[in-house]
């Protein structure tokens, strides 16, 4: 995956978290996860999860949202 794509996904996820009133609470992470789930393609979500799981830095509320999304995705075959 290209670094530019990851940078754009990180920027979008951060903006989503801020626009949904993100703090460091579970409700903010839930709202962020819900938005990403509804409006992002599965490929976009998988790319950001892979980046984060590979040690990439993301804001804490985005990390919590990604953990929730990762647990709710069906396994890709």
PDB file of N, CA and C in Angstrom:
ATOM      1  N   UNK A   1       0.845  -1.168   0.000  1.00  0.00           N
ATOM      2  CA  UNK A   1       0.000   0.000   0.000  1.00  0.00           C
ATOM      3  C   UNK A   1       0.892   1.232   0.000  1.00  0.00           C
ATOM      4  N   UNK A   2       0.498   2.225  -0.726  1.00  0.00           N
ATOM      5  CA  UNK A   2       1.297   3.432  -0.866  1.00  0.00           C
ATOM      6  C   UNK A   2       1.183   4.301   0.380  1.00  0.00           C
ATOM      7  N   UNK A   3       2.300   4.914   0.731  1.00  0.00           N
ATOM      8  CA  UNK A   3       2.319   5.771   1.917  1.00  0.00           C
ATOM      9  C   UNK A   3       1.304   6.904   1.798  1.00  0.00           C
ATOM     10  N   UNK A   4       1.129   7.440   0.599  1.00  0.00           N
ATOM     11  CA  UNK A   4       0.160   8.518   0.395  1.00  0.00           C
ATOM     12  C   UNK A   4      -1.264   8.086   0.723  1.00  0.00           C
ATOM     13  N   UNK A   5      -1.601   6.831   0.381  1.00  0.00           N
ATOM     14  CA  UNK A   5      -2.936   6.315   0.697  1.00  0.00           C
ATOM     15  C   UNK A   5      -3.134   6.224   2.206  1.00  0.00           C
ATOM     16  N   UNK A   6      -2.129   5.718   2.901  1.00  0.00           N
ATOM     17  CA  UNK A   6      -2.230   5.598   4.357  1.00  0.00           C
ATOM     18  C   UNK A   6      -2.343   6.978   4.995  1.00  0.00           C
ATOM     19  N   UNK A   7      -1.524   7.917   4.516  1.00  0.00           N
ATOM     20  CA  UNK A   7      -1.593   9.276   5.064  1.00  0.00           C
ATOM     21  C   UNK A   7      -2.993   9.856   4.910  1.00  0.00           C
ATOM     22  N   UNK A   8      -3.614   9.630   3.750  1.00  0.00           N
ATOM     23  CA  UNK A   8      -4.966  10.140   3.523  1.00  0.00           C
ATOM     24  C   UNK A   8      -5.977   9.446   4.441  1.00  0.00           C
ATOM     25  N   UNK A   9      -5.861   8.130   4.611  1.00  0.00           N
ATOM     26  CA  UNK A   9      -6.777   7.414   5.503  1.00  0.00           C
ATOM     27  C   UNK A   9      -6.610   7.889   6.947  1.00  0.00           C
ATOM     28  N   UNK A  10      -5.365   8.092   7.372  1.00  0.00           N
ATOM     29  CA  UNK A  10      -5.116   8.594   8.724  1.00  0.00           C
ATOM     30  C   UNK A  10      -5.732   9.971   8.922  1.00  0.00           C
ATOM     31  N   UNK A  11      -5.556  10.824   7.935  1.00  0.00           N
ATOM     32  CA  UNK A  11      -6.109  12.179   8.010  1.00  0.00           C
ATOM     33  C   UNK A  11      -7.636  12.133   8.108  1.00  0.00           C
ATOM     34  N   UNK A  12      -8.251  11.302   7.254  1.00  0.00           N
ATOM     35  CA  UNK A  12      -9.707  11.193   7.282  1.00  0.00           C
ATOM     36  C   UNK A  12     -10.204  10.628   8.605  1.00  0.00           C
ATOM     37  N   UNK A  13      -9.567   9.581   9.098  1.00  0.00           N
ATOM     38  CA  UNK A  13      -9.994   8.985  10.373  1.00  0.00           C
ATOM     39  C   UNK A  13      -9.856   9.982  11.510  1.00  0.00           C
ATOM     40  N   UNK A  14      -8.774  10.743  11.529  1.00  0.00           N
ATOM     41  CA  UNK A  14      -8.592  11.757  12.557  1.00  0.00           C
ATOM     42  C   UNK A  14      -9.657  12.832  12.489  1.00  0.00           C
ATOM     43  N   UNK A  15     -10.006  13.262  11.282  1.00  0.00           N
ATOM     44  CA  UNK A  15     -11.058  14.269  11.124  1.00  0.00           C
ATOM     45  C   UNK A  15     -12.412  13.727  11.567  1.00  0.00           C
ATOM     46  N   UNK A  16     -12.684  12.494  11.225  1.00  0.00           N
ATOM     47  CA  UNK A  16     -13.944  11.876  11.650  1.00  0.00           C
ATOM     48  C   UNK A  16     -14.032  11.893  13.174  1.00  0.00           C
ATOM     49  N   UNK A  17     -12.960  11.458  13.831  1.00  0.00           N
ATOM     50  CA  UNK A  17     -12.953  11.416  15.296  1.00  0.00           C
ATOM     51  C   UNK A  17     -13.175  12.811  15.881  1.00  0.00           C
ATOM     52  N   UNK A  18     -12.504  13.812  15.331  1.00  0.00           N
ATOM     53  CA  UNK A  18     -12.673  15.182  15.831  1.00  0.00           C
ATOM     54  C   UNK A  18     -14.082  15.698  15.579  1.00  0.00           C
ATOM     55  N   UNK A  19     -14.611  15.449  14.407  1.00  0.00           N
ATOM     56  CA  UNK A  19     -15.945  15.946  14.070  1.00  0.00           C
ATOM     57  C   UNK A  19     -17.047  15.276  14.871  1.00  0.00           C
ATOM     58  N   UNK A  20     -16.789  14.086  15.370  1.00  0.00           N
ATOM     59  CA  UNK A  20     -17.788  13.380  16.167  1.00  0.00           C
ATOM     60  C   UNK A  20     -17.590  13.611  17.657  1.00  0.00           C
ATOM     61  N   UNK A  21     -16.803  14.621  18.003  1.00  0.00           N
ATOM     62  CA  UNK A  21     -16.618  14.987  19.401  1.00  0.00           C
ATOM     63  C   UNK A  21     -15.690  14.061  20.139  1.00  0.00           C
ATOM     64  N   UNK A  22     -14.708  13.545  19.428  1.00  0.00           N
ATOM     65  CA  UNK A  22     -13.818  12.547  20.022  1.00  0.00           C
ATOM     66  C   UNK A  22     -13.036  13.105  21.188  1.00  0.00           C
ATOM     67  N   UNK A  23     -13.040  12.340  22.226  1.00  0.00           N
ATOM     68  CA  UNK A  23     -12.172  12.551  23.358  1.00  0.00           C
ATOM     69  C   UNK A  23     -11.402  11.253  23.480  1.00  0.00           C
ATOM     70  N   UNK A  24     -11.231  10.786  24.666  1.00  0.00           N
ATOM     71  CA  UNK A  24     -10.569   9.500  24.858  1.00  0.00           C
ATOM     72  C   UNK A  24     -11.544   8.508  25.479  1.00  0.00           C
ATOM     73  N   UNK A  25     -12.808   8.668  25.144  1.00  0.00           N
ATOM     74  CA  UNK A  25     -13.796   7.793  25.766  1.00  0.00           C
ATOM     75  C   UNK A  25     -14.318   6.762  24.778  1.00  0.00           C
ATOM     76  N   UNK A  26     -14.961   5.777  25.319  1.00  0.00           N
ATOM     77  CA  UNK A  26     -15.469   4.674  24.500  1.00  0.00           C
ATOM     78  C   UNK A  26     -16.555   5.139  23.541  1.00  0.00           C
ATOM     79  N   UNK A  27     -17.366   6.097  23.941  1.00  0.00           N
ATOM     80  CA  UNK A  27     -18.436   6.576  23.064  1.00  0.00           C
ATOM     81  C   UNK A  27     -17.869   7.232  21.815  1.00  0.00           C
ATOM     82  N   UNK A  28     -16.796   7.976  21.966  1.00  0.00           N
ATOM     83  CA  UNK A  28     -16.161   8.615  20.812  1.00  0.00           C
ATOM     84  C   UNK A  28     -15.607   7.557  19.863  1.00  0.00           C
ATOM     85  N   UNK A  29     -15.002   6.531  20.396  1.00  0.00           N
ATOM     86  CA  UNK A  29     -14.475   5.444  19.565  1.00  0.00           C
ATOM     87  C   UNK A  29     -15.614   4.709  18.866  1.00  0.00           C
ATOM     88  N   UNK A  30     -16.711   4.488  19.563  1.00  0.00           N
ATOM     89  CA  UNK A  30     -17.864   3.814  18.961  1.00  0.00           C
ATOM     90  C   UNK A  30     -18.438   4.630  17.814  1.00  0.00           C
ATOM     91  N   UNK A  31     -18.568   5.953  18.004  1.00  0.00           N
ATOM     92  CA  UNK A  31     -19.091   6.814  16.940  1.00  0.00           C
ATOM     93  C   UNK A  31     -18.161   6.825  15.738  1.00  0.00           C
ATOM     94  N   UNK A  32     -16.859   6.853  16.001  1.00  0.00           N
ATOM     95  CA  UNK A  32     -15.874   6.842  14.915  1.00  0.00           C
ATOM     96  C   UNK A  32     -15.939   5.523  14.154  1.00  0.00           C
ATOM     97  N   UNK A  33     -16.006   4.412  14.874  1.00  0.00           N
ATOM     98  CA  UNK A  33     -16.100   3.093  14.239  1.00  0.00           C
ATOM     99  C   UNK A  33     -17.375   2.977  13.412  1.00  0.00           C
ATOM    100  N   UNK A  34     -18.473   3.474  13.943  1.00  0.00           N
ATOM    101  CA  UNK A  34     -19.745   3.404  13.218  1.00  0.00           C
ATOM    102  C   UNK A  34     -19.661   4.185  11.906  1.00  0.00           C
ATOM    103  N   UNK A  35     -19.086   5.375  11.968  1.00  0.00           N
ATOM    104  CA  UNK A  35     -18.962   6.189  10.758  1.00  0.00           C
ATOM    105  C   UNK A  35     -18.081   5.487   9.713  1.00  0.00           C
ATOM    106  N   UNK A  36     -16.923   5.001  10.155  1.00  0.00           N
ATOM    107  CA  UNK A  36     -16.021   4.312   9.224  1.00  0.00           C
ATOM    108  C   UNK A  36     -16.720   3.095   8.630  1.00  0.00           C
ATOM    109  N   UNK A  37     -17.417   2.337   9.435  1.00  0.00           N
ATOM    110  CA  UNK A  37     -18.117   1.148   8.972  1.00  0.00           C
ATOM    111  C   UNK A  37     -19.182   1.494   7.926  1.00  0.00           C
ATOM    112  N   UNK A  38     -19.865   2.591   8.120  1.00  0.00           N
ATOM    113  CA  UNK A  38     -20.964   2.967   7.223  1.00  0.00           C
ATOM    114  C   UNK A  38     -20.484   3.586   5.918  1.00  0.00           C
ATOM    115  N   UNK A  39     -19.392   4.345   5.967  1.00  0.00           N
ATOM    116  CA  UNK A  39     -19.040   5.161   4.812  1.00  0.00           C
ATOM    117  C   UNK A  39     -17.726   4.800   4.112  1.00  0.00           C
ATOM    118  N   UNK A  40     -16.897   3.983   4.719  1.00  0.00           N
ATOM    119  CA  UNK A  40     -15.646   3.582   4.085  1.00  0.00           C
ATOM    120  C   UNK A  40     -15.845   2.233   3.413  1.00  0.00           C
ATOM    121  N   UNK A  41     -15.048   2.008   2.382  1.00  0.00           N
ATOM    122  CA  UNK A  41     -15.071   0.680   1.757  1.00  0.00           C
ATOM    123  C   UNK A  41     -14.351  -0.300   2.684  1.00  0.00           C
ATOM    124  N   UNK A  42     -14.680  -1.585   2.581  1.00  0.00           N
ATOM    125  CA  UNK A  42     -13.955  -2.569   3.393  1.00  0.00           C
ATOM    126  C   UNK A  42     -12.442  -2.526   3.138  1.00  0.00           C
ATOM    127  N   UNK A  43     -12.044  -2.271   1.902  1.00  0.00           N
ATOM    128  CA  UNK A  43     -10.614  -2.217   1.585  1.00  0.00           C
ATOM    129  C   UNK A  43      -9.921  -1.071   2.325  1.00  0.00           C
ATOM    130  N   UNK A  44     -10.574   0.074   2.405  1.00  0.00           N
ATOM    131  CA  UNK A  44      -9.991   1.210   3.133  1.00  0.00           C
ATOM    132  C   UNK A  44      -9.806   0.853   4.609  1.00  0.00           C
ATOM    133  N   UNK A  45     -10.836   0.239   5.168  1.00  0.00           N
ATOM    134  CA  UNK A  45     -10.778  -0.144   6.582  1.00  0.00           C
ATOM    135  C   UNK A  45      -9.664  -1.162   6.816  1.00  0.00           C
ATOM    136  N   UNK A  46      -9.583  -2.164   5.955  1.00  0.00           N
ATOM    137  CA  UNK A  46      -8.529  -3.178   6.097  1.00  0.00           C
ATOM    138  C   UNK A  46      -7.133  -2.572   5.985  1.00  0.00           C
ATOM    139  N   UNK A  47      -6.959  -1.608   5.074  1.00  0.00           N
ATOM    140  CA  UNK A  47      -5.651  -0.961   4.913  1.00  0.00           C
ATOM    141  C   UNK A  47      -5.239  -0.239   6.185  1.00  0.00           C
ATOM    142  N   UNK A  48      -6.168   0.501   6.777  1.00  0.00           N
ATOM    143  CA  UNK A  48      -5.822   1.250   7.982  1.00  0.00           C
ATOM    144  C   UNK A  48      -5.591   0.309   9.160  1.00  0.00           C
ATOM    145  N   UNK A  49      -6.371  -0.738   9.268  1.00  0.00           N
ATOM    146  CA  UNK A  49      -6.162  -1.726  10.339  1.00  0.00           C
ATOM    147  C   UNK A  49      -4.792  -2.382  10.171  1.00  0.00           C
ATOM    148  N   UNK A  50      -4.440  -2.751   8.947  1.00  0.00           N
ATOM    149  CA  UNK A  50      -3.138  -3.381   8.699  1.00  0.00           C
ATOM    150  C   UNK A  50      -1.995  -2.435   9.054  1.00  0.00           C
ATOM    151  N   UNK A  51      -2.142  -1.174   8.713  1.00  0.00           N
ATOM    152  CA  UNK A  51      -1.117  -0.179   9.057  1.00  0.00           C
ATOM    153  C   UNK A  51      -0.965  -0.086  10.577  1.00  0.00           C
ATOM    154  N   UNK A  52      -2.086   0.016  11.270  1.00  0.00           N
ATOM    155  CA  UNK A  52      -2.084   0.145  12.728  1.00  0.00           C
ATOM    156  C   UNK A  52      -1.512  -1.120  13.375  1.00  0.00           C
ATOM    157  N   UNK A  53      -1.946  -2.291  12.916  1.00  0.00           N
ATOM    158  CA  UNK A  53      -1.449  -3.556  13.475  1.00  0.00           C
ATOM    159  C   UNK A  53       0.035  -3.761  13.185  1.00  0.00           C
ATOM    160  N   UNK A  54       0.514  -3.130  12.125  1.00  0.00           N
ATOM    161  CA  UNK A  54       1.927  -3.216  11.772  1.00  0.00           C
ATOM    162  C   UNK A  54       2.802  -2.244  12.544  1.00  0.00           C
ATOM    163  N   UNK A  55       2.220  -1.555  13.505  1.00  0.00           N
ATOM    164  CA  UNK A  55       2.981  -0.637  14.342  1.00  0.00           C
ATOM    165  C   UNK A  55       2.847   0.827  13.980  1.00  0.00           C
ATOM    166  N   UNK A  56       1.991   1.127  13.011  1.00  0.00           N
ATOM    167  CA  UNK A  56       1.776   2.523  12.629  1.00  0.00           C
ATOM    168  C   UNK A  56       1.041   3.294  13.719  1.00  0.00           C
ATOM    169  N   UNK A  57       1.410   4.541  13.881  1.00  0.00           N
ATOM    170  CA  UNK A  57       0.792   5.370  14.919  1.00  0.00           C
ATOM    171  C   UNK A  57      -0.537   5.949  14.442  1.00  0.00           C
ATOM    172  N   UNK A  58      -1.523   5.843  15.317  1.00  0.00           N
ATOM    173  CA  UNK A  58      -2.828   6.455  15.096  1.00  0.00           C
ATOM    174  C   UNK A  58      -3.282   7.051  16.428  1.00  0.00           C
ATOM    175  N   UNK A  59      -4.140   8.075  16.382  1.00  0.00           N
ATOM    176  CA  UNK A  59      -4.672   8.623  17.638  1.00  0.00           C
ATOM    177  C   UNK A  59      -5.378   7.536  18.451  1.00  0.00           C
ATOM    178  N   UNK A  60      -5.369   7.672  19.757  1.00  0.00           N
ATOM    179  CA  UNK A  60      -5.918   6.625  20.620  1.00  0.00           C
ATOM    180  C   UNK A  60      -7.388   6.323  20.337  1.00  0.00           C
ATOM    181  N   UNK A  61      -8.180   7.339  20.065  1.00  0.00           N
ATOM    182  CA  UNK A  61      -9.594   7.088  19.782  1.00  0.00           C
ATOM    183  C   UNK A  61      -9.745   6.336  18.463  1.00  0.00           C
ATOM    184  N   UNK A  62      -8.888   6.612  17.485  1.00  0.00           N
ATOM    185  CA  UNK A  62      -8.922   5.882  16.212  1.00  0.00           C
ATOM    186  C   UNK A  62      -8.477   4.440  16.432  1.00  0.00           C
ATOM    187  N   UNK A  63      -7.471   4.233  17.275  1.00  0.00           N
ATOM    188  CA  UNK A  63      -7.021   2.870  17.589  1.00  0.00           C
ATOM    189  C   UNK A  63      -8.151   2.065  18.218  1.00  0.00           C
ATOM    190  N   UNK A  64      -8.885   2.673  19.128  1.00  0.00           N
ATOM    191  CA  UNK A  64     -10.011   1.974  19.760  1.00  0.00           C
ATOM    192  C   UNK A  64     -11.093   1.663  18.729  1.00  0.00           C
ATOM    193  N   UNK A  65     -11.339   2.588  17.817  1.00  0.00           N
ATOM    194  CA  UNK A  65     -12.327   2.356  16.762  1.00  0.00           C
ATOM    195  C   UNK A  65     -11.869   1.215  15.852  1.00  0.00           C
ATOM    196  N   UNK A  66     -10.590   1.210  15.495  1.00  0.00           N
ATOM    197  CA  UNK A  66     -10.069   0.151  14.629  1.00  0.00           C
ATOM    198  C   UNK A  66     -10.140  -1.206  15.305  1.00  0.00           C
ATOM    199  N   UNK A  67      -9.876  -1.253  16.599  1.00  0.00           N
ATOM    200  CA  UNK A  67      -9.974  -2.518  17.329  1.00  0.00           C
ATOM    201  C   UNK A  67     -11.408  -3.039  17.280  1.00  0.00           C
ATOM    202  N   UNK A  68     -12.356  -2.141  17.449  1.00  0.00           N
ATOM    203  CA  UNK A  68     -13.763  -2.526  17.376  1.00  0.00           C
ATOM    204  C   UNK A  68     -14.133  -3.013  15.982  1.00  0.00           C
ATOM    205  N   UNK A  69     -13.665  -2.302  14.972  1.00  0.00           N
ATOM    206  CA  UNK A  69     -13.956  -2.693  13.593  1.00  0.00           C
ATOM    207  C   UNK A  69     -13.310  -4.029  13.242  1.00  0.00           C
ATOM    208  N   UNK A  70     -12.094  -4.217  13.697  1.00  0.00           N
ATOM    209  CA  UNK A  70     -11.379  -5.459  13.423  1.00  0.00           C
ATOM    210  C   UNK A  70     -12.126  -6.651  13.998  1.00  0.00           C
ATOM    211  N   UNK A  71     -12.691  -6.483  15.172  1.00  0.00           N
ATOM    212  CA  UNK A  71     -13.405  -7.569  15.834  1.00  0.00           C
ATOM    213  C   UNK A  71     -14.764  -7.841  15.204  1.00  0.00           C
ATOM    214  N   UNK A  72     -15.302  -6.859  14.469  1.00  0.00           N
ATOM    215  CA  UNK A  72     -16.632  -7.033  13.908  1.00  0.00           C
ATOM    216  C   UNK A  72     -16.616  -7.429  12.435  1.00  0.00           C
ATOM    217  N   UNK A  73     -15.432  -7.442  11.805  1.00  0.00           N
ATOM    218  CA  UNK A  73     -15.346  -7.794  10.390  1.00  0.00           C
ATOM    219  C   UNK A  73     -15.363  -9.304  10.204  1.00  0.00           C
ATOM    220  N   UNK A  74     -16.102  -9.751   9.205  1.00  0.00           N
ATOM    221  CA  UNK A  74     -16.021 -11.189   8.892  1.00  0.00           C
ATOM    222  C   UNK A  74     -14.650 -11.490   8.320  1.00  0.00           C
ATOM    223  N   UNK A  75     -14.186 -12.701   8.548  1.00  0.00           N
ATOM    224  CA  UNK A  75     -12.866 -13.086   8.044  1.00  0.00           C
ATOM    225  C   UNK A  75     -12.886 -13.106   6.527  1.00  0.00           C
ATOM    226  N   UNK A  76     -11.821 -12.561   5.957  1.00  0.00           N
ATOM    227  CA  UNK A  76     -11.684 -12.554   4.507  1.00  0.00           C
ATOM    228  C   UNK A  76     -11.032 -13.862   4.076  1.00  0.00           C
ATOM    229  N   UNK A  77     -11.607 -14.507   3.113  1.00  0.00           N
ATOM    230  CA  UNK A  77     -11.063 -15.780   2.631  1.00  0.00           C
ATOM    231  C   UNK A  77     -10.232 -15.563   1.405  1.00  0.00           C
TER     232      UNK A  77
END
